[in-house]
Amino acid sequence: MIIGEDLFLQQVNRELERIEAKLNQEGEKPKWLTLQRQKIALNLICHQLKQIDPNVGESSENPDAGQVRRNLYYFKAQMLLRQIEERKQS
């Protein structure tokens, strides 16, 4: 894995954790604009991961550590996007 990619993935992880914490906060319902910003950030993360690895989100027989990590963050972002859509509908 390239050092720059490792730093990028660390930032992705922090951003995913930040968004997840905001979505899971107790109390008032998140504002529509906040949800839209989070959705944009998550879509951007997915797009950037696809640029690094076009096969992200797909299974492979012998994934290396980098592929596993990229897939983990990709699926986490997808899960958070689904949570946002559910929140918007409720």
N, C-alpha and C. Protein backbone atom coordinates (compact mmCIF):
# COMPACT_ATOMS: atom_id res chain seq x y z
N MET A 1 0.85 -1.17 0.00
CA MET A 1 0.00 0.00 0.00
C MET A 1 0.90 1.24 0.00
N ILE A 2 0.52 2.24 -0.74
CA ILE A 2 1.27 3.49 -0.84
C ILE A 2 1.03 4.33 0.40
N ILE A 3 2.07 5.03 0.87
CA ILE A 3 1.94 5.84 2.09
C ILE A 3 0.83 6.88 1.95
N GLY A 4 0.75 7.54 0.81
CA GLY A 4 -0.31 8.52 0.59
C GLY A 4 -1.69 7.90 0.69
N GLU A 5 -1.81 6.68 0.17
CA GLU A 5 -3.10 5.98 0.25
C GLU A 5 -3.43 5.64 1.70
N ASP A 6 -2.41 5.25 2.46
CA ASP A 6 -2.62 4.93 3.87
C ASP A 6 -3.14 6.16 4.63
N LEU A 7 -2.54 7.31 4.38
CA LEU A 7 -3.00 8.55 5.04
C LEU A 7 -4.42 8.89 4.61
N PHE A 8 -4.71 8.72 3.33
CA PHE A 8 -6.06 8.97 2.83
C PHE A 8 -7.06 8.06 3.53
N LEU A 9 -6.73 6.77 3.65
CA LEU A 9 -7.64 5.83 4.29
C LEU A 9 -7.83 6.14 5.77
N GLN A 10 -6.80 6.66 6.43
CA GLN A 10 -6.95 7.09 7.82
C GLN A 10 -7.94 8.24 7.92
N GLN A 11 -7.84 9.19 6.98
CA GLN A 11 -8.77 10.32 6.96
C GLN A 11 -10.19 9.84 6.67
N VAL A 12 -10.32 8.91 5.74
CA VAL A 12 -11.63 8.34 5.42
C VAL A 12 -12.24 7.71 6.66
N ASN A 13 -11.44 6.95 7.39
CA ASN A 13 -11.93 6.29 8.60
C ASN A 13 -12.40 7.32 9.62
N ARG A 14 -11.63 8.38 9.83
CA ARG A 14 -12.03 9.42 10.79
C ARG A 14 -13.34 10.09 10.35
N GLU A 15 -13.46 10.37 9.07
CA GLU A 15 -14.67 11.02 8.57
C GLU A 15 -15.88 10.09 8.72
N LEU A 16 -15.71 8.81 8.42
CA LEU A 16 -16.80 7.84 8.58
C LEU A 16 -17.22 7.74 10.05
N GLU A 17 -16.26 7.73 10.95
CA GLU A 17 -16.57 7.66 12.38
C GLU A 17 -17.31 8.92 12.83
N ARG A 18 -16.89 10.09 12.32
CA ARG A 18 -17.53 11.35 12.68
C ARG A 18 -18.99 11.36 12.20
N ILE A 19 -19.21 10.96 10.97
CA ILE A 19 -20.57 10.94 10.42
C ILE A 19 -21.43 9.93 11.17
N GLU A 20 -20.87 8.77 11.45
CA GLU A 20 -21.63 7.74 12.18
C GLU A 20 -22.01 8.23 13.57
N ALA A 21 -21.10 8.92 14.25
CA ALA A 21 -21.39 9.44 15.58
C ALA A 21 -22.52 10.46 15.52
N LYS A 22 -22.50 11.33 14.50
CA LYS A 22 -23.57 12.33 14.37
C LYS A 22 -24.92 11.67 14.09
N LEU A 23 -24.90 10.64 13.26
CA LEU A 23 -26.16 9.95 12.94
C LEU A 23 -26.72 9.22 14.16
N ASN A 24 -25.85 8.75 15.03
CA ASN A 24 -26.29 7.96 16.18
C ASN A 24 -26.51 8.79 17.43
N GLN A 25 -26.37 10.11 17.33
CA GLN A 25 -26.60 10.98 18.49
C GLN A 25 -28.06 10.90 18.92
N GLU A 26 -28.23 10.87 20.21
CA GLU A 26 -29.58 10.90 20.76
C GLU A 26 -30.06 12.36 20.75
N GLY A 27 -31.35 12.53 20.78
CA GLY A 27 -31.88 13.88 20.84
C GLY A 27 -32.64 14.24 19.58
N GLU A 28 -32.53 15.50 19.20
CA GLU A 28 -33.34 15.99 18.08
C GLU A 28 -32.90 15.38 16.75
N LYS A 29 -33.84 15.35 15.84
CA LYS A 29 -33.61 14.79 14.52
C LYS A 29 -32.62 15.69 13.75
N PRO A 30 -31.64 15.09 13.04
CA PRO A 30 -30.70 15.91 12.29
C PRO A 30 -31.41 16.75 11.24
N LYS A 31 -30.89 17.93 10.99
CA LYS A 31 -31.49 18.81 10.00
C LYS A 31 -31.26 18.26 8.60
N TRP A 32 -32.15 18.62 7.71
CA TRP A 32 -32.08 18.16 6.32
C TRP A 32 -30.74 18.54 5.69
N LEU A 33 -30.27 19.76 5.90
CA LEU A 33 -29.02 20.22 5.30
C LEU A 33 -27.83 19.42 5.82
N THR A 34 -27.85 19.10 7.10
CA THR A 34 -26.77 18.28 7.68
C THR A 34 -26.75 16.91 7.03
N LEU A 35 -27.91 16.32 6.86
CA LEU A 35 -27.99 15.01 6.20
C LEU A 35 -27.50 15.09 4.76
N GLN A 36 -27.83 16.16 4.06
CA GLN A 36 -27.38 16.33 2.68
C GLN A 36 -25.86 16.44 2.61
N ARG A 37 -25.28 17.20 3.52
CA ARG A 37 -23.81 17.34 3.55
C ARG A 37 -23.15 16.00 3.83
N GLN A 38 -23.70 15.25 4.76
CA GLN A 38 -23.15 13.94 5.07
C GLN A 38 -23.27 13.01 3.87
N LYS A 39 -24.39 13.09 3.19
CA LYS A 39 -24.61 12.26 2.01
C LYS A 39 -23.59 12.59 0.91
N ILE A 40 -23.34 13.87 0.71
CA ILE A 40 -22.35 14.30 -0.29
C ILE A 40 -20.96 13.78 0.10
N ALA A 41 -20.60 13.93 1.37
CA ALA A 41 -19.29 13.46 1.84
C ALA A 41 -19.15 11.95 1.63
N LEU A 42 -20.19 11.20 1.95
CA LEU A 42 -20.13 9.75 1.79
C LEU A 42 -20.05 9.33 0.33
N ASN A 43 -20.79 10.00 -0.54
CA ASN A 43 -20.72 9.71 -1.97
C ASN A 43 -19.33 10.03 -2.51
N LEU A 44 -18.73 11.11 -2.03
CA LEU A 44 -17.37 11.48 -2.45
C LEU A 44 -16.37 10.42 -1.99
N ILE A 45 -16.52 9.94 -0.77
CA ILE A 45 -15.64 8.89 -0.27
C ILE A 45 -15.75 7.65 -1.15
N CYS A 46 -16.97 7.24 -1.47
CA CYS A 46 -17.16 6.06 -2.33
C CYS A 46 -16.52 6.28 -3.70
N HIS A 47 -16.70 7.46 -4.26
CA HIS A 47 -16.13 7.78 -5.57
C HIS A 47 -14.60 7.73 -5.52
N GLN A 48 -14.01 8.31 -4.48
CA GLN A 48 -12.55 8.31 -4.36
C GLN A 48 -12.01 6.89 -4.16
N LEU A 49 -12.71 6.08 -3.40
CA LEU A 49 -12.28 4.70 -3.22
C LEU A 49 -12.35 3.94 -4.54
N LYS A 50 -13.38 4.22 -5.35
CA LYS A 50 -13.50 3.60 -6.67
C LYS A 50 -12.37 4.04 -7.60
N GLN A 51 -11.91 5.30 -7.44
CA GLN A 51 -10.80 5.77 -8.26
C GLN A 51 -9.50 5.05 -7.89
N ILE A 52 -9.31 4.80 -6.61
CA ILE A 52 -8.11 4.10 -6.15
C ILE A 52 -8.15 2.64 -6.60
N ASP A 53 -9.32 2.03 -6.43
CA ASP A 53 -9.48 0.61 -6.76
C ASP A 53 -10.83 0.43 -7.44
N PRO A 54 -10.84 0.32 -8.77
CA PRO A 54 -12.11 0.17 -9.49
C PRO A 54 -12.93 -1.05 -9.06
N ASN A 55 -12.28 -2.03 -8.41
CA ASN A 55 -12.99 -3.24 -7.98
C ASN A 55 -13.47 -3.17 -6.54
N VAL A 56 -13.37 -1.99 -5.93
CA VAL A 56 -13.81 -1.88 -4.54
C VAL A 56 -15.30 -2.21 -4.47
N GLY A 57 -15.68 -2.91 -3.42
CA GLY A 57 -17.07 -3.30 -3.26
C GLY A 57 -17.40 -4.63 -3.91
N GLU A 58 -16.43 -5.22 -4.60
CA GLU A 58 -16.62 -6.52 -5.23
C GLU A 58 -15.75 -7.53 -4.52
N SER A 59 -16.14 -8.77 -4.58
CA SER A 59 -15.34 -9.80 -3.91
C SER A 59 -14.17 -10.21 -4.79
N SER A 60 -13.09 -10.61 -4.13
CA SER A 60 -11.95 -11.16 -4.86
C SER A 60 -11.41 -12.35 -4.07
N GLU A 61 -10.76 -13.24 -4.77
CA GLU A 61 -10.32 -14.48 -4.15
C GLU A 61 -9.22 -14.27 -3.11
N ASN A 62 -8.22 -13.49 -3.43
CA ASN A 62 -7.10 -13.27 -2.52
C ASN A 62 -6.86 -11.78 -2.32
N PRO A 63 -7.73 -11.11 -1.57
CA PRO A 63 -7.53 -9.67 -1.38
C PRO A 63 -6.33 -9.39 -0.48
N ASP A 64 -5.61 -8.32 -0.81
CA ASP A 64 -4.52 -7.91 0.08
C ASP A 64 -5.11 -7.02 1.17
N ALA A 65 -4.28 -6.63 2.12
CA ALA A 65 -4.75 -5.83 3.26
C ALA A 65 -5.37 -4.51 2.80
N GLY A 66 -4.80 -3.91 1.79
CA GLY A 66 -5.33 -2.65 1.27
C GLY A 66 -6.72 -2.80 0.69
N GLN A 67 -6.93 -3.88 -0.05
CA GLN A 67 -8.25 -4.13 -0.63
C GLN A 67 -9.29 -4.37 0.45
N VAL A 68 -8.91 -5.13 1.47
CA VAL A 68 -9.83 -5.40 2.57
C VAL A 68 -10.22 -4.09 3.25
N ARG A 69 -9.25 -3.24 3.49
CA ARG A 69 -9.50 -1.96 4.16
C ARG A 69 -10.37 -1.04 3.30
N ARG A 70 -10.06 -0.97 2.00
CA ARG A 70 -10.87 -0.14 1.10
C ARG A 70 -12.31 -0.65 1.06
N ASN A 71 -12.48 -1.98 0.97
CA ASN A 71 -13.83 -2.56 0.96
C ASN A 71 -14.56 -2.27 2.26
N LEU A 72 -13.87 -2.37 3.37
CA LEU A 72 -14.48 -2.08 4.67
C LEU A 72 -15.05 -0.67 4.70
N TYR A 73 -14.23 0.30 4.29
CA TYR A 73 -14.68 1.70 4.31
C TYR A 73 -15.76 1.94 3.28
N TYR A 74 -15.66 1.30 2.13
CA TYR A 74 -16.69 1.45 1.09
C TYR A 74 -18.04 0.95 1.60
N PHE A 75 -18.05 -0.24 2.19
CA PHE A 75 -19.31 -0.79 2.69
C PHE A 75 -19.85 0.00 3.88
N LYS A 76 -18.96 0.52 4.70
CA LYS A 76 -19.41 1.35 5.83
C LYS A 76 -20.06 2.63 5.30
N ALA A 77 -19.46 3.24 4.29
CA ALA A 77 -20.04 4.44 3.69
C ALA A 77 -21.41 4.13 3.08
N GLN A 78 -21.52 2.98 2.41
CA GLN A 78 -22.80 2.59 1.82
C GLN A 78 -23.86 2.37 2.90
N MET A 79 -23.46 1.77 4.02
CA MET A 79 -24.39 1.54 5.13
C MET A 79 -24.87 2.88 5.70
N LEU A 80 -23.95 3.84 5.86
CA LEU A 80 -24.33 5.15 6.39
C LEU A 80 -25.24 5.89 5.41
N LEU A 81 -24.99 5.74 4.12
CA LEU A 81 -25.89 6.34 3.12
C LEU A 81 -27.30 5.79 3.26
N ARG A 82 -27.42 4.48 3.48
CA ARG A 82 -28.74 3.88 3.67
C ARG A 82 -29.41 4.41 4.94
N GLN A 83 -28.63 4.59 6.01
CA GLN A 83 -29.18 5.16 7.25
C GLN A 83 -29.70 6.57 7.01
N ILE A 84 -28.97 7.35 6.24
CA ILE A 84 -29.40 8.73 5.95
C ILE A 84 -30.72 8.71 5.19
N GLU A 85 -30.82 7.83 4.19
CA GLU A 85 -32.06 7.73 3.41
C GLU A 85 -33.22 7.33 4.29
N GLU A 86 -33.00 6.42 5.22
CA GLU A 86 -34.06 6.01 6.14
C GLU A 86 -34.47 7.17 7.04
N ARG A 87 -33.51 7.95 7.49
CA ARG A 87 -33.81 9.11 8.36
C ARG A 87 -34.61 10.15 7.59
N LYS A 88 -34.25 10.37 6.33
CA LYS A 88 -34.95 11.38 5.53
C LYS A 88 -36.40 10.97 5.31
N GLN A 89 -36.66 9.68 5.22
CA GLN A 89 -38.01 9.20 4.96
C GLN A 89 -38.88 9.18 6.21
N SER A 90 -38.23 9.15 7.37
CA SER A 90 -39.04 9.08 8.60
C SER A 90 -39.37 10.44 9.16
